[in-house]
Amino acid sequence: MLRQLNKKNKELEKRIIIAGGGTGGHIFPAIAIANALKRIDPSIDILFVGAKGKMEMEKVPQAGYRIVGLDIAGFNRSSLIKNIGLPFKIFKSLLQVRKVFNEFKPVAVIGVGGYSSFPALRYAQQQGIPTFIHEANSFAGKANIQLSKRAKLIFTGSDGMEKFFPADRLVVSGNPVRASILDSHISREEALASFGLSAGKKTVLVTGGSLGARSINEVIAEQIAEFEKNDIQLIWQTGKLFIDKAKQVSGGSINIWTNDFISGMENAFAAADVVISRSGAMSVAELCVAKQAVIFVPFPHAAEDHQTVNARRLVDKGAALMIKDNEAKERLVPLAIELAKDEMRQAELRRNIKPLAIRNADEIVAEDILITLGWKSGE
């Protein structure tokens, strides 16, 4: 009887906070890690901590998990005046984190990047609660570098990260990819039909990530007639800020499908012959799994220009093409049309990107965390 009671009490102690968000590149891997933890040990209680007003407040509950939102924002690089209230927001978020921790009583915290990750991990480390970090990008963020000094393990999406983190606690796990993309078996014909497009035409997918990409959108809008002229179909994810303009310029064309967000990205990948994309770490990871022929246009204002670093790793292996953001107006659409017509080049890019995919990153992260916490045997 006593043994059963002790076992029950131990199960009740398995409470983990996963903190981070802001974009799909933080949210979707966080959900993948949560799902892997629950698959291994269903008794684990998971609470997400995110930023109010950001997409995690919608996407996390849709995945079946609870989330608490903090009043936090990141450093604004484009307008320094907007950072005046940042110290107050950070202080307020730390008070909110303290309340969340007092009520939920986590025994471990996982940070996946994004605004809410720093205050949650910082507070956990001050309280002596074990912390874990997942750094998706090839160039580590300053907050994660600082937090890594007291983290139990630091999981990275790529190798060569010893220059940022303590080498003895580094685990090259890869970046966790959504199960819907990992497990997709939809045919190209079925995928195209889901967008109302023809299976007999070449198709280009344009995506700037979950929030869209203004410079890419503007180039596509300005030169959209070139796709029509070459009888090439377009699947165009714009983000919320550009959707009205996109619908206006597409003019109801049967060759163009456009929306602010694509919930079934696995269908979009399956339908496309060529993908135009930003090179956030998760976009790169998903495109590797999808084995796509891709043209990367790195976001030039990303911290430490990490999107260029992410893309360059693939370009150097002949696994992708890359165009600088300031060259997109002249080069992007002509190159996309050229690649869409060149099946041999597409095949070469797919062949080279396929070996770069890591399909079990979520399991690697989850298992190593549980082993470190003593909740799973390392054998």
Protein backbone atom coordinates (compact mmCIF):
# COMPACT_ATOMS: atom_id res chain seq x y z
CA MET A 1 0.00 0.00 0.00
CA LEU A 2 2.80 2.42 0.96
CA ARG A 3 4.68 1.60 -2.26
CA GLN A 4 1.57 2.38 -4.36
CA LEU A 5 1.06 5.68 -2.52
CA ASN A 6 4.68 6.69 -3.04
CA LYS A 7 4.39 5.83 -6.73
CA LYS A 8 1.25 7.95 -7.04
CA ASN A 9 2.93 10.89 -5.29
CA LYS A 10 5.94 10.62 -7.58
CA GLU A 11 3.67 10.69 -10.65
CA LEU A 12 1.95 13.81 -9.32
CA GLU A 13 5.36 15.48 -9.11
CA LYS A 14 5.98 15.13 -12.84
CA ARG A 15 5.10 18.68 -13.74
CA ILE A 16 6.93 20.40 -16.60
CA ILE A 17 6.63 23.92 -17.97
CA ILE A 18 7.46 24.52 -21.62
CA ALA A 19 8.15 28.20 -22.24
CA GLY A 20 8.47 30.11 -25.51
CA GLY A 21 6.67 31.07 -28.66
CA GLY A 22 6.02 34.09 -30.82
CA THR A 23 6.27 32.28 -34.14
CA GLY A 24 5.52 28.82 -35.51
CA GLY A 25 9.26 28.17 -35.44
CA HIS A 26 9.10 28.12 -31.64
CA ILE A 27 5.57 26.84 -31.09
CA PHE A 28 5.44 23.77 -33.33
CA PRO A 29 8.68 22.19 -32.01
CA ALA A 30 7.51 22.92 -28.46
CA ILE A 31 4.28 21.04 -29.11
CA ALA A 32 6.24 18.20 -30.73
CA ILE A 33 8.41 17.90 -27.61
CA ALA A 34 5.32 17.93 -25.38
CA ASN A 35 3.72 15.19 -27.45
CA ALA A 36 6.89 13.08 -27.24
CA LEU A 37 7.05 13.50 -23.46
CA LYS A 38 3.42 12.38 -23.12
CA ARG A 39 3.97 9.40 -25.42
CA ILE A 40 6.83 8.19 -23.25
CA ASP A 41 5.13 8.96 -19.93
CA PRO A 42 1.41 9.90 -20.03
CA SER A 43 1.49 10.82 -16.32
CA ILE A 44 3.53 13.98 -17.01
CA ASP A 45 1.57 17.19 -16.51
CA ILE A 46 2.60 19.91 -18.98
CA LEU A 47 1.85 23.62 -18.83
CA PHE A 48 2.90 26.05 -21.56
CA VAL A 49 3.95 29.63 -20.83
CA GLY A 50 3.72 32.04 -23.75
CA ALA A 51 3.32 35.71 -24.62
CA LYS A 52 -0.11 37.33 -24.63
CA GLY A 53 -1.33 38.23 -28.09
CA LYS A 54 1.03 35.84 -29.85
CA MET A 55 0.02 32.81 -31.89
CA GLU A 56 0.88 30.29 -29.17
CA MET A 57 -2.20 31.45 -27.28
CA GLU A 58 -4.24 29.89 -30.10
CA LYS A 59 -2.07 27.03 -31.36
CA VAL A 60 -1.21 25.44 -28.00
CA PRO A 61 -4.85 24.96 -26.84
CA GLN A 62 -5.65 23.57 -30.29
CA ALA A 63 -2.99 20.92 -29.60
CA GLY A 64 -4.71 20.03 -26.33
CA TYR A 65 -2.45 21.76 -23.80
CA ARG A 66 -3.01 24.53 -21.25
CA ILE A 67 -1.15 27.81 -21.65
CA VAL A 68 -0.62 30.91 -19.51
CA GLY A 69 0.18 34.20 -21.25
CA LEU A 70 2.74 36.73 -19.99
CA ASP A 71 2.84 40.48 -20.62
CA ILE A 72 6.19 40.33 -22.40
CA ALA A 73 7.67 41.56 -25.67
CA GLY A 74 11.02 41.24 -27.36
CA PHE A 75 13.61 43.87 -28.18
CA ASN A 76 12.53 45.91 -31.22
CA ARG A 77 15.53 46.34 -33.52
CA SER A 78 13.75 48.50 -36.09
CA SER A 79 12.45 51.16 -33.67
CA LEU A 80 14.46 51.80 -30.51
CA ILE A 81 11.78 54.15 -29.13
CA LYS A 82 9.43 51.20 -28.85
CA ASN A 83 11.78 49.61 -26.31
CA ILE A 84 11.19 52.27 -23.65
CA GLY A 85 8.67 50.13 -21.79
CA LEU A 86 10.64 46.89 -22.17
CA PRO A 87 12.27 46.86 -18.69
CA PHE A 88 8.84 47.29 -17.08
CA LYS A 89 7.40 44.46 -19.18
CA ILE A 90 10.28 42.17 -18.22
CA PHE A 91 9.81 42.99 -14.52
CA LYS A 92 6.04 42.42 -14.77
CA SER A 93 6.58 39.11 -16.60
CA LEU A 94 8.90 37.92 -13.84
CA LEU A 95 6.18 38.62 -11.26
CA GLN A 96 3.69 36.71 -13.41
CA VAL A 97 6.13 33.82 -13.78
CA ARG A 98 6.57 33.65 -10.01
CA LYS A 99 2.80 33.34 -9.58
CA VAL A 100 2.59 30.61 -12.24
CA PHE A 101 5.43 28.66 -10.59
CA ASN A 102 3.89 28.97 -7.13
CA GLU A 103 0.59 27.60 -8.39
CA PHE A 104 1.80 24.90 -10.80
CA LYS A 105 4.98 23.93 -8.92
CA PRO A 106 7.03 22.66 -11.89
CA VAL A 107 9.94 20.34 -11.30
CA ALA A 108 11.54 21.15 -14.66
CA VAL A 109 11.33 23.89 -17.29
CA ILE A 110 12.06 23.61 -21.02
CA GLY A 111 12.80 26.77 -23.01
CA VAL A 112 12.29 26.74 -26.78
CA GLY A 113 13.06 30.40 -27.53
CA GLY A 114 10.80 33.38 -27.97
CA TYR A 115 9.76 36.22 -25.67
CA SER A 116 8.44 34.16 -22.78
CA SER A 117 11.32 31.71 -22.62
CA PHE A 118 13.79 34.00 -20.84
CA PRO A 119 11.75 35.04 -17.76
CA ALA A 120 10.53 31.47 -17.18
CA LEU A 121 13.98 29.90 -17.38
CA ARG A 122 15.62 32.72 -15.45
CA TYR A 123 13.17 32.35 -12.57
CA ALA A 124 13.47 28.54 -12.62
CA GLN A 125 17.25 28.75 -12.37
CA GLN A 126 17.02 31.21 -9.48
CA GLN A 127 14.81 28.67 -7.68
CA GLY A 128 17.12 25.75 -8.40
CA ILE A 129 14.63 24.06 -10.75
CA PRO A 130 16.29 22.03 -13.55
CA THR A 131 16.14 23.79 -16.92
CA PHE A 132 16.63 22.58 -20.48
CA ILE A 133 17.10 24.62 -23.64
CA HIS A 134 16.37 23.89 -27.27
CA GLU A 135 18.24 26.22 -29.63
CA ALA A 136 16.93 25.73 -33.15
CA ASN A 137 19.16 28.12 -35.07
CA SER A 138 22.74 27.77 -36.29
CA PHE A 139 23.60 31.02 -34.50
CA ALA A 140 22.57 31.04 -30.86
CA GLY A 141 20.58 33.89 -29.34
CA LYS A 142 22.12 35.96 -26.55
CA ALA A 143 19.43 34.95 -24.04
CA ASN A 144 20.05 31.25 -24.60
CA ILE A 145 23.80 31.72 -24.35
CA GLN A 146 23.35 33.36 -20.95
CA LEU A 147 20.78 30.81 -19.73
CA SER A 148 22.88 27.85 -20.91
CA LYS A 149 25.43 28.44 -18.14
CA ARG A 150 23.01 26.94 -15.61
CA ALA A 151 20.99 24.62 -17.88
CA LYS A 152 21.16 20.85 -17.44
CA LEU A 153 21.23 20.15 -21.20
CA ILE A 154 21.24 22.29 -24.34
CA PHE A 155 19.70 20.69 -27.42
CA THR A 156 20.71 22.12 -30.78
CA GLY A 157 19.35 21.85 -34.29
CA SER A 158 22.81 21.60 -35.82
CA ASP A 159 26.38 20.71 -34.93
CA GLY A 160 29.24 23.15 -34.34
CA MET A 161 27.46 24.94 -31.47
CA GLU A 162 30.35 24.54 -28.99
CA LYS A 163 31.30 28.15 -29.67
CA PHE A 164 28.08 29.22 -27.95
CA PHE A 165 27.37 26.59 -25.30
CA PRO A 166 29.20 24.36 -22.78
CA ALA A 167 30.34 21.37 -24.85
CA ASP A 168 29.82 18.85 -22.03
CA ARG A 169 26.07 19.59 -21.92
CA LEU A 170 25.40 19.85 -25.65
CA VAL A 171 23.13 17.37 -27.46
CA VAL A 172 22.76 17.66 -31.24
CA SER A 173 19.14 16.60 -31.44
CA GLY A 174 17.99 18.30 -34.61
CA ASN A 175 14.79 20.35 -34.69
CA PRO A 176 11.47 18.68 -33.81
CA VAL A 177 9.12 18.66 -36.81
CA ARG A 178 5.33 18.55 -36.68
CA ALA A 179 3.93 15.01 -36.75
CA SER A 180 1.57 15.98 -39.57
CA ILE A 181 4.60 16.61 -41.80
CA LEU A 182 6.60 13.61 -40.57
CA ASP A 183 3.71 11.20 -41.11
CA SER A 184 2.29 12.64 -44.34
CA HIS A 185 1.57 10.19 -47.14
CA ILE A 186 -0.64 12.41 -49.31
CA SER A 187 0.04 12.22 -53.04
CA ARG A 188 0.85 15.27 -55.15
CA GLU A 189 -2.47 14.90 -56.97
CA GLU A 190 -4.47 14.74 -53.73
CA ALA A 191 -2.55 17.67 -52.30
CA LEU A 192 -3.15 19.85 -55.36
CA ALA A 193 -6.83 18.95 -55.35
CA SER A 194 -7.07 20.16 -51.72
CA PHE A 195 -6.06 23.61 -52.98
CA GLY A 196 -8.33 23.43 -56.02
CA LEU A 197 -5.34 23.34 -58.37
CA SER A 198 -4.49 21.21 -61.41
CA ALA A 199 -2.20 18.18 -61.25
CA GLY A 200 -1.01 18.92 -64.78
CA LYS A 201 0.78 22.18 -63.99
CA LYS A 202 4.00 23.13 -62.22
CA THR A 203 3.35 24.63 -58.80
CA VAL A 204 5.34 27.05 -56.64
CA LEU A 205 4.71 27.37 -52.89
CA VAL A 206 5.49 30.78 -51.39
CA THR A 207 5.70 30.94 -47.61
CA GLY A 208 7.27 33.49 -45.32
CA GLY A 209 6.70 31.42 -42.22
CA SER A 210 3.71 31.59 -39.92
CA LEU A 211 3.73 35.40 -39.80
CA GLY A 212 4.41 36.01 -43.48
CA ALA A 213 7.32 37.87 -45.12
CA ARG A 214 6.68 41.38 -46.41
CA SER A 215 9.54 41.66 -48.90
CA ILE A 216 8.76 38.27 -50.46
CA ASN A 217 5.07 39.11 -50.62
CA GLU A 218 5.75 42.44 -52.32
CA VAL A 219 7.91 40.81 -55.00
CA ILE A 220 5.31 38.13 -55.69
CA ALA A 221 2.51 40.70 -55.88
CA GLU A 222 4.47 42.94 -58.24
CA GLN A 223 5.47 40.10 -60.60
CA ILE A 224 2.50 37.78 -60.27
CA ALA A 225 1.74 38.07 -63.97
CA GLU A 226 4.99 36.20 -64.71
CA PHE A 227 3.60 33.05 -63.10
CA GLU A 228 0.41 33.38 -65.15
CA LYS A 229 2.42 33.99 -68.32
CA ASN A 230 4.38 30.76 -67.76
CA ASP A 231 1.24 28.79 -66.73
CA ILE A 232 2.69 28.11 -63.27
CA GLN A 233 0.38 27.68 -60.29
CA LEU A 234 0.92 29.45 -57.00
CA ILE A 235 0.18 28.43 -53.42
CA TRP A 236 0.79 31.66 -51.51
CA GLN A 237 0.80 31.96 -47.74
CA THR A 238 0.93 35.68 -46.97
CA GLY A 239 0.48 36.21 -43.24
CA LYS A 240 -2.34 38.37 -41.91
CA LEU A 241 -0.92 41.75 -42.91
CA PHE A 242 -0.73 41.06 -46.65
CA ILE A 243 -3.72 38.84 -47.39
CA ASP A 244 -6.01 41.62 -48.63
CA LYS A 245 -3.40 42.83 -51.11
CA ALA A 246 -2.70 39.26 -52.24
CA LYS A 247 -6.35 38.55 -52.94
CA GLN A 248 -6.61 41.81 -54.85
CA VAL A 249 -3.65 41.12 -57.17
CA SER A 250 -4.51 37.44 -57.69
CA GLY A 251 -7.87 38.56 -59.08
CA GLY A 252 -9.62 35.24 -58.60
CA SER A 253 -7.20 33.40 -60.91
CA ILE A 254 -7.75 29.64 -61.05
CA ASN A 255 -3.95 29.22 -60.96
CA ILE A 256 -3.51 30.97 -57.61
CA TRP A 257 -4.50 29.83 -54.12
CA THR A 258 -3.76 32.34 -51.39
CA ASN A 259 -4.47 32.64 -47.68
CA ASP A 260 -2.89 34.23 -44.62
CA PHE A 261 -2.08 30.84 -43.04
CA ILE A 262 -1.84 27.23 -44.18
CA SER A 263 -2.97 24.86 -41.45
CA GLY A 264 -2.11 21.74 -43.46
CA MET A 265 1.45 22.58 -44.45
CA GLU A 266 2.07 18.92 -45.29
CA ASN A 267 -0.38 19.29 -48.19
CA ALA A 268 1.37 22.43 -49.42
CA PHE A 269 4.75 20.68 -49.39
CA ALA A 270 3.34 17.67 -51.23
CA ALA A 271 1.71 19.86 -53.87
CA ALA A 272 4.74 22.03 -54.65
CA ASP A 273 7.44 21.48 -57.24
CA VAL A 274 9.41 24.44 -55.84
CA VAL A 275 9.24 26.27 -52.51
CA ILE A 276 10.17 29.90 -51.82
CA SER A 277 10.78 30.31 -48.09
CA ARG A 278 12.45 32.23 -45.32
CA SER A 279 15.15 30.19 -43.60
CA GLY A 280 14.09 30.09 -39.99
CA ALA A 281 15.37 26.94 -38.32
CA MET A 282 12.01 25.17 -38.31
CA SER A 283 11.27 26.02 -41.93
CA VAL A 284 14.63 24.49 -42.84
CA ALA A 285 13.97 21.37 -40.74
CA GLU A 286 10.51 20.85 -42.25
CA LEU A 287 11.75 21.33 -45.81
CA CYS A 288 14.47 18.74 -45.20
CA VAL A 289 11.84 16.24 -44.04
CA ALA A 290 9.59 17.14 -46.99
CA LYS A 291 12.54 16.66 -49.39
CA GLN A 292 11.75 19.87 -51.24
CA ALA A 293 13.49 21.90 -53.93
CA VAL A 294 13.74 25.24 -52.17
CA ILE A 295 14.87 28.80 -52.74
CA PHE A 296 15.68 30.47 -49.43
CA VAL A 297 15.33 34.23 -48.96
CA PRO A 298 16.76 34.79 -45.45
CA PHE A 299 15.17 37.47 -43.30
CA PRO A 300 17.95 40.08 -43.19
CA HIS A 301 17.05 41.52 -39.77
CA ALA A 302 17.12 38.24 -37.85
CA ALA A 303 19.38 38.35 -34.79
CA GLU A 304 23.03 37.89 -35.81
CA ASP A 305 21.75 37.21 -39.36
CA HIS A 306 21.10 33.62 -38.25
CA GLN A 307 18.71 32.89 -41.14
CA THR A 308 21.55 33.36 -43.62
CA VAL A 309 23.67 30.98 -41.53
CA ASN A 310 20.81 28.45 -41.52
CA ALA A 311 20.40 28.63 -45.31
CA ARG A 312 24.13 28.62 -46.04
CA ARG A 313 24.51 25.20 -44.40
CA LEU A 314 22.22 23.71 -47.05
CA VAL A 315 23.49 25.77 -49.96
CA ASP A 316 27.05 24.61 -49.28
CA LYS A 317 25.85 21.00 -49.55
CA GLY A 318 24.05 21.60 -52.86
CA ALA A 319 20.74 21.06 -51.05
CA ALA A 320 19.11 24.47 -51.63
CA LEU A 321 19.38 27.78 -53.47
CA MET A 322 19.57 31.17 -51.78
CA ILE A 323 18.84 34.76 -52.79
CA LYS A 324 19.58 37.74 -50.57
CA ASP A 325 16.55 39.74 -49.52
CA ASN A 326 17.81 42.88 -51.26
CA GLU A 327 18.22 40.94 -54.52
CA ALA A 328 14.76 39.35 -54.44
CA LYS A 329 13.08 41.98 -56.60
CA GLU A 330 15.38 41.28 -59.54
CA ARG A 331 16.15 37.59 -59.13
CA LEU A 332 13.50 35.71 -57.13
CA VAL A 333 10.62 35.24 -59.58
CA PRO A 334 12.82 34.49 -62.64
CA LEU A 335 14.77 31.89 -60.64
CA ALA A 336 11.58 30.29 -59.26
CA ILE A 337 10.10 29.98 -62.75
CA GLU A 338 13.36 28.62 -64.13
CA LEU A 339 13.60 26.02 -61.36
CA ALA A 340 9.94 25.04 -61.70
CA LYS A 341 10.63 24.11 -65.34
CA ASP A 342 13.90 22.27 -64.59
CA GLU A 343 12.96 18.83 -63.25
CA MET A 344 16.56 17.60 -63.24
CA ARG A 345 17.68 20.47 -61.00
CA GLN A 346 14.72 19.86 -58.70
CA ALA A 347 15.65 16.19 -58.43
CA GLU A 348 19.25 17.10 -57.57
CA LEU A 349 18.19 19.47 -54.81
CA ARG A 350 15.78 16.89 -53.36
CA ARG A 351 18.45 14.21 -53.46
CA ASN A 352 20.88 16.42 -51.55
CA ILE A 353 18.41 17.73 -48.96
CA LYS A 354 16.99 14.31 -48.04
CA PRO A 355 20.00 13.11 -45.93
CA LEU A 356 19.86 16.30 -43.85
CA ALA A 357 16.46 15.45 -42.36
CA ILE A 358 16.28 14.39 -38.70
CA ARG A 359 12.95 12.70 -38.13
CA ASN A 360 13.12 11.81 -34.42
CA ALA A 361 14.39 15.03 -32.84
CA ASP A 362 11.35 15.25 -30.54
CA GLU A 363 12.06 11.79 -29.11
CA ILE A 364 15.77 12.57 -28.61
CA VAL A 365 14.91 15.71 -26.62
CA ALA A 366 12.15 14.08 -24.59
CA GLU A 367 14.12 10.95 -23.69
CA ASP A 368 17.27 12.84 -22.66
CA ILE A 369 15.22 15.17 -20.46
CA LEU A 370 13.45 12.27 -18.74
CA ILE A 371 16.72 10.38 -18.24
CA THR A 372 18.36 13.49 -16.74
CA LEU A 373 15.41 13.95 -14.37
CA GLY A 374 15.61 10.28 -13.37
CA TRP A 375 12.15 9.53 -14.74
CA LYS A 376 13.43 7.07 -17.35
CA SER A 377 16.25 4.56 -17.47
CA GLY A 378 19.13 5.38 -19.78
CA GLU A 379 19.57 1.76 -20.75
